[in-house]
Amino acid sequence: PRAPGGEYTAWSPAGVRPLEILDRAGTDPEARKVLVEVATAICQVEAPIARRRLYVKISRAFGLSRTVKSREESIRAALGEAFAYFDEDGFVWACRDDALAAPIYRRNALDHVDSIEEIHPRELMGLMAQARAKNPEWVSQEDLFTWALKRLSAKKRSLGARGVSEALTRALKEAEREQS
């Protein structure tokens, strides 16, 4: 379990594995074992991780700079879902117990992922619950979002960026619903 507001840690491969292992993973049990080891290592560092981000990270570990849809499908088929826990929001967790615990938001997560949609909705909800608790009741929604955005990114980010305001609005509503 992470400390509240702990820094986001992005997984990076120790080295590039041979692409032929990834190519054989659907039919060769030894190659599949290597694929599962890579996926497990990624999940242990980045979970909860968006399913698509996991497949992209796996592709990078095998030297691919792009992950086309067909590659994503072959990874999904070869990997299966037995190695980790896949939730209803499209995220992968190292194990089911981790998913059952309330996830703690990770500071600067937005600096590592492609979009706010790659941050688990429950992490955003936890962040907005903290924003609500640490700010006066009279503070505006925009000020709450700005407070939250400063924790999600070390960079100067705009609330107008694609999906940001919508995701934080959903998270705030959910946090307020749970607290009432």
N, C-alpha and C. Protein backbone atom coordinates (compact mmCIF):
# COMPACT_ATOMS: atom_id res chain seq x y z
N PRO A 1 0.82 -1.20 0.00
CA PRO A 1 0.00 0.00 0.00
C PRO A 1 0.86 1.26 0.00
N ARG A 2 0.44 2.22 -0.81
CA ARG A 2 1.17 3.48 -0.93
C ARG A 2 0.73 4.47 0.14
N ALA A 3 1.62 5.40 0.43
CA ALA A 3 1.26 6.50 1.32
C ALA A 3 0.37 7.46 0.55
N PRO A 4 -0.58 8.13 1.21
CA PRO A 4 -1.45 9.08 0.52
C PRO A 4 -0.63 10.13 -0.22
N GLY A 5 -0.94 10.30 -1.48
CA GLY A 5 -0.25 11.31 -2.27
C GLY A 5 1.19 10.97 -2.58
N GLY A 6 1.55 9.69 -2.51
CA GLY A 6 2.90 9.28 -2.87
C GLY A 6 3.16 9.56 -4.34
N GLU A 7 4.41 9.70 -4.69
CA GLU A 7 4.80 10.03 -6.06
C GLU A 7 4.45 8.87 -7.01
N TYR A 8 3.97 9.22 -8.21
CA TYR A 8 3.69 8.22 -9.23
C TYR A 8 5.01 7.64 -9.70
N THR A 9 5.10 6.34 -9.82
CA THR A 9 6.30 5.69 -10.32
C THR A 9 5.95 5.02 -11.64
N ALA A 10 6.65 5.41 -12.69
CA ALA A 10 6.45 4.79 -13.99
C ALA A 10 7.42 3.63 -14.14
N TRP A 11 6.93 2.51 -14.65
CA TRP A 11 7.78 1.35 -14.89
C TRP A 11 8.59 1.59 -16.15
N SER A 12 9.84 1.15 -16.12
CA SER A 12 10.64 1.17 -17.35
C SER A 12 11.43 -0.13 -17.40
N PRO A 13 11.57 -0.68 -18.61
CA PRO A 13 12.24 -1.97 -18.74
C PRO A 13 13.73 -1.88 -18.39
N ALA A 14 14.25 -2.96 -17.81
CA ALA A 14 15.67 -3.03 -17.48
C ALA A 14 16.49 -3.20 -18.76
N GLY A 15 15.86 -3.72 -19.78
CA GLY A 15 16.49 -3.93 -21.08
C GLY A 15 15.42 -4.34 -22.06
N VAL A 16 15.76 -4.43 -23.32
CA VAL A 16 14.78 -4.81 -24.33
C VAL A 16 14.85 -6.32 -24.54
N ARG A 17 13.71 -6.95 -24.47
CA ARG A 17 13.64 -8.40 -24.72
C ARG A 17 13.46 -8.64 -26.22
N PRO A 18 13.85 -9.81 -26.68
CA PRO A 18 13.71 -10.12 -28.11
C PRO A 18 12.24 -10.13 -28.54
N LEU A 19 11.95 -9.46 -29.64
CA LEU A 19 10.59 -9.38 -30.17
C LEU A 19 10.00 -10.75 -30.49
N GLU A 20 10.86 -11.69 -30.90
CA GLU A 20 10.33 -13.02 -31.26
C GLU A 20 9.68 -13.71 -30.06
N ILE A 21 10.08 -13.38 -28.85
CA ILE A 21 9.42 -13.94 -27.66
C ILE A 21 7.97 -13.46 -27.61
N LEU A 22 7.78 -12.17 -27.83
CA LEU A 22 6.42 -11.62 -27.84
C LEU A 22 5.61 -12.23 -28.98
N ASP A 23 6.24 -12.40 -30.14
CA ASP A 23 5.56 -12.98 -31.29
C ASP A 23 5.11 -14.42 -31.03
N ARG A 24 5.87 -15.17 -30.24
CA ARG A 24 5.56 -16.58 -29.97
C ARG A 24 4.67 -16.78 -28.74
N ALA A 25 4.42 -15.73 -27.97
CA ALA A 25 3.73 -15.87 -26.68
C ALA A 25 2.35 -16.51 -26.78
N GLY A 26 1.70 -16.37 -27.92
CA GLY A 26 0.37 -16.96 -28.09
C GLY A 26 0.39 -18.47 -28.25
N THR A 27 1.54 -19.03 -28.65
CA THR A 27 1.62 -20.47 -28.93
C THR A 27 2.68 -21.20 -28.13
N ASP A 28 3.65 -20.49 -27.59
CA ASP A 28 4.77 -21.10 -26.88
C ASP A 28 4.66 -20.82 -25.38
N PRO A 29 4.48 -21.87 -24.56
CA PRO A 29 4.32 -21.67 -23.11
C PRO A 29 5.51 -20.94 -22.46
N GLU A 30 6.72 -21.19 -22.91
CA GLU A 30 7.89 -20.50 -22.34
C GLU A 30 7.86 -19.01 -22.67
N ALA A 31 7.48 -18.68 -23.90
CA ALA A 31 7.39 -17.27 -24.30
C ALA A 31 6.25 -16.59 -23.54
N ARG A 32 5.14 -17.31 -23.35
CA ARG A 32 4.02 -16.75 -22.59
C ARG A 32 4.45 -16.47 -21.15
N LYS A 33 5.26 -17.36 -20.58
CA LYS A 33 5.76 -17.18 -19.22
C LYS A 33 6.55 -15.88 -19.11
N VAL A 34 7.39 -15.59 -20.10
CA VAL A 34 8.17 -14.34 -20.11
C VAL A 34 7.22 -13.14 -20.21
N LEU A 35 6.21 -13.25 -21.08
CA LEU A 35 5.22 -12.18 -21.24
C LEU A 35 4.51 -11.90 -19.91
N VAL A 36 4.10 -12.94 -19.22
CA VAL A 36 3.41 -12.79 -17.94
C VAL A 36 4.35 -12.16 -16.90
N GLU A 37 5.63 -12.55 -16.91
CA GLU A 37 6.60 -11.96 -15.98
C GLU A 37 6.73 -10.46 -16.22
N VAL A 38 6.79 -10.05 -17.49
CA VAL A 38 6.89 -8.63 -17.82
C VAL A 38 5.63 -7.90 -17.37
N ALA A 39 4.47 -8.45 -17.68
CA ALA A 39 3.19 -7.82 -17.30
C ALA A 39 3.07 -7.71 -15.79
N THR A 40 3.47 -8.74 -15.08
CA THR A 40 3.42 -8.73 -13.62
C THR A 40 4.34 -7.66 -13.05
N ALA A 41 5.54 -7.55 -13.60
CA ALA A 41 6.50 -6.53 -13.14
C ALA A 41 5.93 -5.13 -13.35
N ILE A 42 5.30 -4.91 -14.49
CA ILE A 42 4.69 -3.60 -14.78
C ILE A 42 3.58 -3.31 -13.77
N CYS A 43 2.72 -4.29 -13.54
CA CYS A 43 1.61 -4.11 -12.60
C CYS A 43 2.09 -3.85 -11.18
N GLN A 44 3.17 -4.49 -10.78
CA GLN A 44 3.68 -4.29 -9.42
C GLN A 44 4.15 -2.85 -9.21
N VAL A 45 4.57 -2.18 -10.28
CA VAL A 45 5.04 -0.80 -10.17
C VAL A 45 3.91 0.20 -10.42
N GLU A 46 3.10 -0.04 -11.45
CA GLU A 46 2.15 0.99 -11.90
C GLU A 46 0.69 0.76 -11.56
N ALA A 47 0.33 -0.40 -11.06
CA ALA A 47 -1.09 -0.67 -10.81
C ALA A 47 -1.68 0.30 -9.80
N PRO A 48 -2.93 0.73 -10.00
CA PRO A 48 -3.79 0.36 -11.12
C PRO A 48 -3.33 1.04 -12.41
N ILE A 49 -3.26 0.25 -13.46
CA ILE A 49 -2.80 0.73 -14.76
C ILE A 49 -3.89 0.47 -15.79
N ALA A 50 -4.14 1.46 -16.64
CA ALA A 50 -5.13 1.28 -17.70
C ALA A 50 -4.68 0.11 -18.59
N ARG A 51 -5.63 -0.71 -18.98
CA ARG A 51 -5.32 -1.90 -19.77
C ARG A 51 -4.49 -1.54 -21.01
N ARG A 52 -4.90 -0.52 -21.74
CA ARG A 52 -4.17 -0.12 -22.95
C ARG A 52 -2.75 0.30 -22.61
N ARG A 53 -2.56 1.04 -21.51
CA ARG A 53 -1.22 1.47 -21.11
C ARG A 53 -0.35 0.24 -20.80
N LEU A 54 -0.93 -0.78 -20.18
CA LEU A 54 -0.19 -2.02 -19.90
C LEU A 54 0.31 -2.63 -21.20
N TYR A 55 -0.56 -2.72 -22.20
CA TYR A 55 -0.16 -3.32 -23.48
C TYR A 55 0.91 -2.50 -24.18
N VAL A 56 0.83 -1.19 -24.07
CA VAL A 56 1.85 -0.31 -24.65
C VAL A 56 3.18 -0.52 -23.93
N LYS A 57 3.15 -0.59 -22.60
CA LYS A 57 4.38 -0.82 -21.82
C LYS A 57 5.01 -2.16 -22.18
N ILE A 58 4.18 -3.18 -22.34
CA ILE A 58 4.68 -4.50 -22.75
C ILE A 58 5.36 -4.39 -24.11
N SER A 59 4.72 -3.72 -25.04
CA SER A 59 5.30 -3.54 -26.38
C SER A 59 6.67 -2.88 -26.30
N ARG A 60 6.79 -1.84 -25.46
CA ARG A 60 8.08 -1.14 -25.29
C ARG A 60 9.15 -2.09 -24.75
N ALA A 61 8.74 -2.98 -23.83
CA ALA A 61 9.69 -3.92 -23.23
C ALA A 61 10.27 -4.88 -24.27
N PHE A 62 9.55 -5.04 -25.38
CA PHE A 62 10.01 -5.91 -26.45
C PHE A 62 10.50 -5.10 -27.66
N GLY A 63 10.79 -3.83 -27.43
CA GLY A 63 11.43 -3.01 -28.45
C GLY A 63 10.51 -2.34 -29.46
N LEU A 64 9.21 -2.43 -29.28
CA LEU A 64 8.29 -1.80 -30.22
C LEU A 64 8.00 -0.36 -29.80
N SER A 65 8.06 0.56 -30.74
CA SER A 65 7.80 1.96 -30.41
C SER A 65 6.32 2.31 -30.57
N ARG A 66 5.58 1.49 -31.31
CA ARG A 66 4.14 1.71 -31.50
C ARG A 66 3.41 0.42 -31.15
N THR A 67 2.17 0.59 -30.70
CA THR A 67 1.35 -0.58 -30.40
C THR A 67 0.08 -0.47 -31.23
N VAL A 68 0.07 -1.17 -32.35
CA VAL A 68 -1.12 -1.15 -33.22
C VAL A 68 -2.18 -2.06 -32.61
N LYS A 69 -3.41 -1.87 -33.06
CA LYS A 69 -4.55 -2.62 -32.51
C LYS A 69 -4.34 -4.13 -32.59
N SER A 70 -3.81 -4.62 -33.70
CA SER A 70 -3.61 -6.06 -33.84
C SER A 70 -2.58 -6.58 -32.82
N ARG A 71 -1.55 -5.79 -32.54
CA ARG A 71 -0.55 -6.19 -31.54
C ARG A 71 -1.20 -6.21 -30.15
N GLU A 72 -2.01 -5.20 -29.88
CA GLU A 72 -2.71 -5.13 -28.60
C GLU A 72 -3.58 -6.38 -28.41
N GLU A 73 -4.29 -6.77 -29.47
CA GLU A 73 -5.15 -7.96 -29.41
C GLU A 73 -4.34 -9.23 -29.19
N SER A 74 -3.19 -9.35 -29.86
CA SER A 74 -2.38 -10.56 -29.69
C SER A 74 -1.79 -10.63 -28.28
N ILE A 75 -1.40 -9.48 -27.73
CA ILE A 75 -0.90 -9.45 -26.35
C ILE A 75 -2.03 -9.85 -25.40
N ARG A 76 -3.20 -9.27 -25.60
CA ARG A 76 -4.36 -9.58 -24.74
C ARG A 76 -4.67 -11.08 -24.78
N ALA A 77 -4.68 -11.65 -25.97
CA ALA A 77 -5.00 -13.08 -26.12
C ALA A 77 -3.94 -13.96 -25.46
N ALA A 78 -2.67 -13.64 -25.67
CA ALA A 78 -1.58 -14.45 -25.12
C ALA A 78 -1.49 -14.32 -23.60
N LEU A 79 -1.74 -13.13 -23.12
CA LEU A 79 -1.58 -12.84 -21.69
C LEU A 79 -2.70 -13.44 -20.85
N GLY A 80 -3.93 -13.34 -21.34
CA GLY A 80 -5.06 -13.78 -20.54
C GLY A 80 -5.27 -12.83 -19.37
N GLU A 81 -6.07 -13.26 -18.41
CA GLU A 81 -6.35 -12.40 -17.26
C GLU A 81 -6.03 -13.08 -15.94
N ALA A 82 -5.43 -14.26 -15.97
CA ALA A 82 -5.18 -15.00 -14.74
C ALA A 82 -4.02 -14.42 -13.91
N PHE A 83 -3.13 -13.66 -14.53
CA PHE A 83 -1.94 -13.17 -13.83
C PHE A 83 -2.22 -11.98 -12.92
N ALA A 84 -3.37 -11.32 -13.11
CA ALA A 84 -3.68 -10.10 -12.36
C ALA A 84 -5.19 -9.96 -12.23
N TYR A 85 -5.63 -8.85 -11.64
CA TYR A 85 -7.06 -8.59 -11.51
C TYR A 85 -7.45 -7.45 -12.44
N PHE A 86 -8.46 -7.69 -13.27
CA PHE A 86 -8.96 -6.70 -14.22
C PHE A 86 -10.29 -6.18 -13.69
N ASP A 87 -10.40 -4.86 -13.50
CA ASP A 87 -11.64 -4.33 -12.94
C ASP A 87 -12.60 -3.84 -14.01
N GLU A 88 -13.79 -3.44 -13.56
CA GLU A 88 -14.86 -3.01 -14.48
C GLU A 88 -14.57 -1.66 -15.12
N ASP A 89 -13.58 -0.93 -14.61
CA ASP A 89 -13.24 0.38 -15.18
C ASP A 89 -12.16 0.29 -16.26
N GLY A 90 -11.70 -0.93 -16.58
CA GLY A 90 -10.68 -1.09 -17.61
C GLY A 90 -9.25 -0.95 -17.09
N PHE A 91 -9.08 -1.18 -15.79
CA PHE A 91 -7.75 -1.08 -15.18
C PHE A 91 -7.29 -2.45 -14.70
N VAL A 92 -5.97 -2.61 -14.63
CA VAL A 92 -5.36 -3.86 -14.21
C VAL A 92 -4.65 -3.61 -12.87
N TRP A 93 -4.87 -4.52 -11.94
CA TRP A 93 -4.28 -4.45 -10.60
C TRP A 93 -3.37 -5.66 -10.41
N ALA A 94 -2.36 -5.54 -9.56
CA ALA A 94 -1.47 -6.66 -9.29
C ALA A 94 -2.26 -7.84 -8.71
N CYS A 95 -3.25 -7.54 -7.86
CA CYS A 95 -4.09 -8.60 -7.31
C CYS A 95 -5.45 -8.01 -6.90
N ARG A 96 -6.41 -8.89 -6.68
CA ARG A 96 -7.77 -8.45 -6.35
C ARG A 96 -7.82 -7.69 -5.02
N ASP A 97 -7.02 -8.11 -4.06
CA ASP A 97 -7.01 -7.43 -2.76
C ASP A 97 -6.63 -5.96 -2.90
N ASP A 98 -5.68 -5.67 -3.79
CA ASP A 98 -5.30 -4.27 -4.04
C ASP A 98 -6.48 -3.48 -4.58
N ALA A 99 -7.25 -4.12 -5.46
CA ALA A 99 -8.39 -3.44 -6.07
C ALA A 99 -9.50 -3.19 -5.05
N LEU A 100 -9.62 -4.06 -4.06
CA LEU A 100 -10.67 -3.91 -3.06
C LEU A 100 -10.35 -2.79 -2.07
N ALA A 101 -9.07 -2.52 -1.86
CA ALA A 101 -8.68 -1.42 -0.97
C ALA A 101 -8.90 -0.11 -1.72
N ALA A 102 -9.21 0.93 -1.01
CA ALA A 102 -9.40 2.24 -1.65
C ALA A 102 -8.06 2.73 -2.18
N PRO A 103 -7.94 2.95 -3.49
CA PRO A 103 -6.65 3.38 -4.02
C PRO A 103 -6.33 4.81 -3.59
N ILE A 104 -5.09 5.05 -3.32
CA ILE A 104 -4.60 6.36 -2.93
C ILE A 104 -4.10 7.05 -4.20
N TYR A 105 -4.43 8.32 -4.37
CA TYR A 105 -3.95 9.00 -5.58
C TYR A 105 -2.43 9.11 -5.54
N ARG A 106 -1.84 9.16 -6.73
CA ARG A 106 -0.38 9.26 -6.85
C ARG A 106 -0.03 10.64 -7.38
N ARG A 107 0.80 11.36 -6.65
CA ARG A 107 1.22 12.69 -7.06
C ARG A 107 1.92 12.64 -8.41
N ASN A 108 1.62 13.64 -9.21
CA ASN A 108 2.23 13.83 -10.53
C ASN A 108 1.91 12.71 -11.52
N ALA A 109 0.85 11.96 -11.28
CA ALA A 109 0.47 10.87 -12.18
C ALA A 109 0.23 11.38 -13.60
N LEU A 110 -0.33 12.56 -13.72
CA LEU A 110 -0.66 13.11 -15.04
C LEU A 110 0.60 13.41 -15.86
N ASP A 111 1.75 13.49 -15.21
CA ASP A 111 3.00 13.71 -15.93
C ASP A 111 3.55 12.43 -16.55
N HIS A 112 2.96 11.29 -16.21
CA HIS A 112 3.46 10.00 -16.69
C HIS A 112 2.51 9.30 -17.65
N VAL A 113 1.23 9.58 -17.55
CA VAL A 113 0.24 8.91 -18.39
C VAL A 113 -0.13 9.82 -19.57
N ASP A 114 -0.80 9.26 -20.56
CA ASP A 114 -1.17 10.04 -21.75
C ASP A 114 -2.34 10.98 -21.51
N SER A 115 -3.24 10.60 -20.61
CA SER A 115 -4.41 11.45 -20.34
C SER A 115 -4.97 11.12 -18.97
N ILE A 116 -5.85 11.96 -18.49
CA ILE A 116 -6.45 11.74 -17.16
C ILE A 116 -7.29 10.46 -17.14
N GLU A 117 -7.74 10.00 -18.30
CA GLU A 117 -8.50 8.75 -18.36
C GLU A 117 -7.66 7.55 -17.96
N GLU A 118 -6.32 7.70 -17.95
CA GLU A 118 -5.44 6.60 -17.55
C GLU A 118 -5.14 6.62 -16.05
N ILE A 119 -5.83 7.49 -15.32
CA ILE A 119 -5.74 7.51 -13.86
C ILE A 119 -7.05 6.90 -13.35
N HIS A 120 -6.95 5.94 -12.46
CA HIS A 120 -8.14 5.23 -12.01
C HIS A 120 -9.16 6.20 -11.41
N PRO A 121 -10.45 6.04 -11.76
CA PRO A 121 -11.49 6.93 -11.24
C PRO A 121 -11.53 6.97 -9.71
N ARG A 122 -11.23 5.86 -9.06
CA ARG A 122 -11.25 5.86 -7.59
C ARG A 122 -10.07 6.63 -7.02
N GLU A 123 -8.94 6.67 -7.74
CA GLU A 123 -7.82 7.52 -7.31
C GLU A 123 -8.24 8.99 -7.37
N LEU A 124 -8.90 9.35 -8.47
CA LEU A 124 -9.37 10.73 -8.62
C LEU A 124 -10.40 11.07 -7.54
N MET A 125 -11.25 10.11 -7.22
CA MET A 125 -12.25 10.33 -6.18
C MET A 125 -11.56 10.56 -4.83
N GLY A 126 -10.54 9.78 -4.53
CA GLY A 126 -9.79 9.97 -3.28
C GLY A 126 -9.11 11.33 -3.24
N LEU A 127 -8.58 11.74 -4.38
CA LEU A 127 -7.94 13.06 -4.47
C LEU A 127 -8.96 14.16 -4.22
N MET A 128 -10.14 14.04 -4.82
CA MET A 128 -11.16 15.08 -4.65
C MET A 128 -11.73 15.07 -3.23
N ALA A 129 -11.79 13.91 -2.59
CA ALA A 129 -12.21 13.86 -1.19
C ALA A 129 -11.19 14.60 -0.33
N GLN A 130 -9.92 14.42 -0.65
CA GLN A 130 -8.87 15.13 0.09
C GLN A 130 -8.94 16.63 -0.20
N ALA A 131 -9.21 16.99 -1.45
CA ALA A 131 -9.34 18.41 -1.81
C ALA A 131 -10.46 19.05 -1.00
N ARG A 132 -11.57 18.35 -0.90
CA ARG A 132 -12.73 18.85 -0.16
C ARG A 132 -12.36 18.99 1.33
N ALA A 133 -11.64 18.01 1.88
CA ALA A 133 -11.30 18.02 3.30
C ALA A 133 -10.26 19.09 3.66
N LYS A 134 -9.37 19.39 2.74
CA LYS A 134 -8.27 20.31 3.04
C LYS A 134 -8.56 21.76 2.66
N ASN A 135 -9.70 22.00 2.05
CA ASN A 135 -10.05 23.36 1.62
C ASN A 135 -11.31 23.81 2.34
N PRO A 136 -11.48 25.12 2.54
CA PRO A 136 -12.69 25.63 3.19
C PRO A 136 -13.94 25.24 2.39
N GLU A 137 -15.06 25.11 3.08
CA GLU A 137 -16.32 24.71 2.43
C GLU A 137 -16.74 25.67 1.33
N TRP A 138 -16.41 26.95 1.50
CA TRP A 138 -16.86 27.97 0.55
C TRP A 138 -16.01 28.04 -0.72
N VAL A 139 -14.92 27.28 -0.78
CA VAL A 139 -14.04 27.37 -1.96
C VAL A 139 -14.79 26.89 -3.21
N SER A 140 -14.52 27.52 -4.33
CA SER A 140 -15.23 27.18 -5.58
C SER A 140 -14.77 25.83 -6.13
N GLN A 141 -15.62 25.26 -6.97
CA GLN A 141 -15.29 24.00 -7.62
C GLN A 141 -14.03 24.17 -8.46
N GLU A 142 -13.92 25.29 -9.16
CA GLU A 142 -12.73 25.54 -9.98
C GLU A 142 -11.46 25.58 -9.12
N ASP A 143 -11.55 26.20 -7.94
CA ASP A 143 -10.39 26.24 -7.04
C ASP A 143 -10.04 24.84 -6.52
N LEU A 144 -11.07 24.02 -6.26
CA LEU A 144 -10.82 22.63 -5.85
C LEU A 144 -10.10 21.88 -6.96
N PHE A 145 -10.56 22.07 -8.20
CA PHE A 145 -9.94 21.40 -9.34
C PHE A 145 -8.50 21.85 -9.53
N THR A 146 -8.26 23.15 -9.36
CA THR A 146 -6.90 23.68 -9.48
C THR A 146 -6.00 23.08 -8.41
N TRP A 147 -6.51 22.99 -7.18
CA TRP A 147 -5.78 22.37 -6.07
C TRP A 147 -5.42 20.92 -6.44
N ALA A 148 -6.42 20.18 -6.95
CA ALA A 148 -6.21 18.78 -7.32
C ALA A 148 -5.21 18.65 -8.47
N LEU A 149 -5.34 19.51 -9.46
CA LEU A 149 -4.46 19.45 -10.63
C LEU A 149 -3.00 19.69 -10.24
N LYS A 150 -2.77 20.52 -9.25
CA LYS A 150 -1.40 20.77 -8.78
C LYS A 150 -0.80 19.52 -8.13
N ARG A 151 -1.63 18.63 -7.66
CA ARG A 151 -1.15 17.38 -7.09
C ARG A 151 -1.01 16.30 -8.15
N LEU A 152 -1.77 16.42 -9.22
CA LEU A 152 -1.68 15.45 -10.31
C LEU A 152 -0.54 15.73 -11.27
N SER A 153 -0.01 16.95 -11.24
CA SER A 153 1.04 17.31 -12.19
C SER A 153 1.96 18.39 -11.64
N ALA A 154 3.24 18.22 -11.87
CA ALA A 154 4.23 19.24 -11.49
C ALA A 154 4.26 20.35 -12.55
N LYS A 155 3.70 20.05 -13.72
CA LYS A 155 3.65 21.02 -14.82
C LYS A 155 2.42 21.91 -14.66
N LYS A 156 2.46 23.05 -15.29
CA LYS A 156 1.30 23.94 -15.26
C LYS A 156 0.27 23.36 -16.24
N ARG A 157 -0.81 22.83 -15.71
CA ARG A 157 -1.84 22.20 -16.54
C ARG A 157 -3.10 23.04 -16.54
N SER A 158 -3.85 22.91 -17.61
CA SER A 158 -5.09 23.66 -17.75
C SER A 158 -6.29 22.77 -17.43
N LEU A 159 -7.26 23.36 -16.74
CA LEU A 159 -8.50 22.63 -16.49
C LEU A 159 -9.26 22.40 -17.79
N GLY A 160 -8.91 23.17 -18.82
CA GLY A 160 -9.56 23.03 -20.11
C GLY A 160 -8.98 21.91 -20.97
N ALA A 161 -7.91 21.26 -20.50
CA ALA A 161 -7.32 20.16 -21.27
C ALA A 161 -8.35 19.04 -21.41
N ARG A 162 -8.25 18.31 -22.50
CA ARG A 162 -9.22 17.27 -22.83
C ARG A 162 -9.49 16.33 -21.65
N GLY A 163 -10.74 16.30 -21.23
CA GLY A 163 -11.21 15.34 -20.24
C GLY A 163 -10.94 15.69 -18.79
N VAL A 164 -10.09 16.68 -18.52
CA VAL A 164 -9.67 16.97 -17.15
C VAL A 164 -10.84 17.43 -16.28
N SER A 165 -11.51 18.47 -16.71
CA SER A 165 -12.61 19.03 -15.92
C SER A 165 -13.72 18.00 -15.72
N GLU A 166 -14.03 17.25 -16.78
CA GLU A 166 -15.10 16.24 -16.69
C GLU A 166 -14.73 15.15 -15.69
N ALA A 167 -13.49 14.66 -15.76
CA ALA A 167 -13.06 13.58 -14.85
C ALA A 167 -13.06 14.06 -13.40
N LEU A 168 -12.59 15.28 -13.17
CA LEU A 168 -12.56 15.81 -11.80
C LEU A 168 -13.97 16.09 -11.29
N THR A 169 -14.87 16.52 -12.18
CA THR A 169 -16.27 16.74 -11.79
C THR A 169 -16.90 15.42 -11.34
N ARG A 170 -16.72 14.37 -12.14
CA ARG A 170 -17.25 13.04 -11.77
C ARG A 170 -16.68 12.59 -10.43
N ALA A 171 -15.37 12.76 -10.27
CA ALA A 171 -14.70 12.32 -9.04
C ALA A 171 -15.21 13.10 -7.83
N LEU A 172 -15.41 14.40 -7.99
CA LEU A 172 -15.90 15.22 -6.89
C LEU A 172 -17.32 14.81 -6.50
N LYS A 173 -18.17 14.60 -7.49
CA LYS A 173 -19.55 14.18 -7.21
C LYS A 173 -19.57 12.84 -6.48
N GLU A 174 -18.73 11.92 -6.93
CA GLU A 174 -18.65 10.60 -6.29
C GLU A 174 -18.13 10.73 -4.85
N ALA A 175 -17.11 11.55 -4.65
CA ALA A 175 -16.55 11.76 -3.30
C ALA A 175 -17.59 12.37 -2.38
N GLU A 176 -18.33 13.35 -2.88
CA GLU A 176 -19.37 13.99 -2.06
C GLU A 176 -20.52 13.03 -1.77
N ARG A 177 -20.85 12.19 -2.75
CA ARG A 177 -21.91 11.20 -2.55
C ARG A 177 -21.51 10.21 -1.45
N GLU A 178 -20.24 9.77 -1.48
CA GLU A 178 -19.77 8.81 -0.47
C GLU A 178 -19.69 9.42 0.92
N GLN A 179 -19.42 10.72 0.99
CA GLN A 179 -19.28 11.38 2.29
C GLN A 179 -20.63 11.76 2.90
N SER A 180 -21.69 11.71 2.10
CA SER A 180 -22.99 12.12 2.65
C SER A 180 -23.77 10.94 3.19
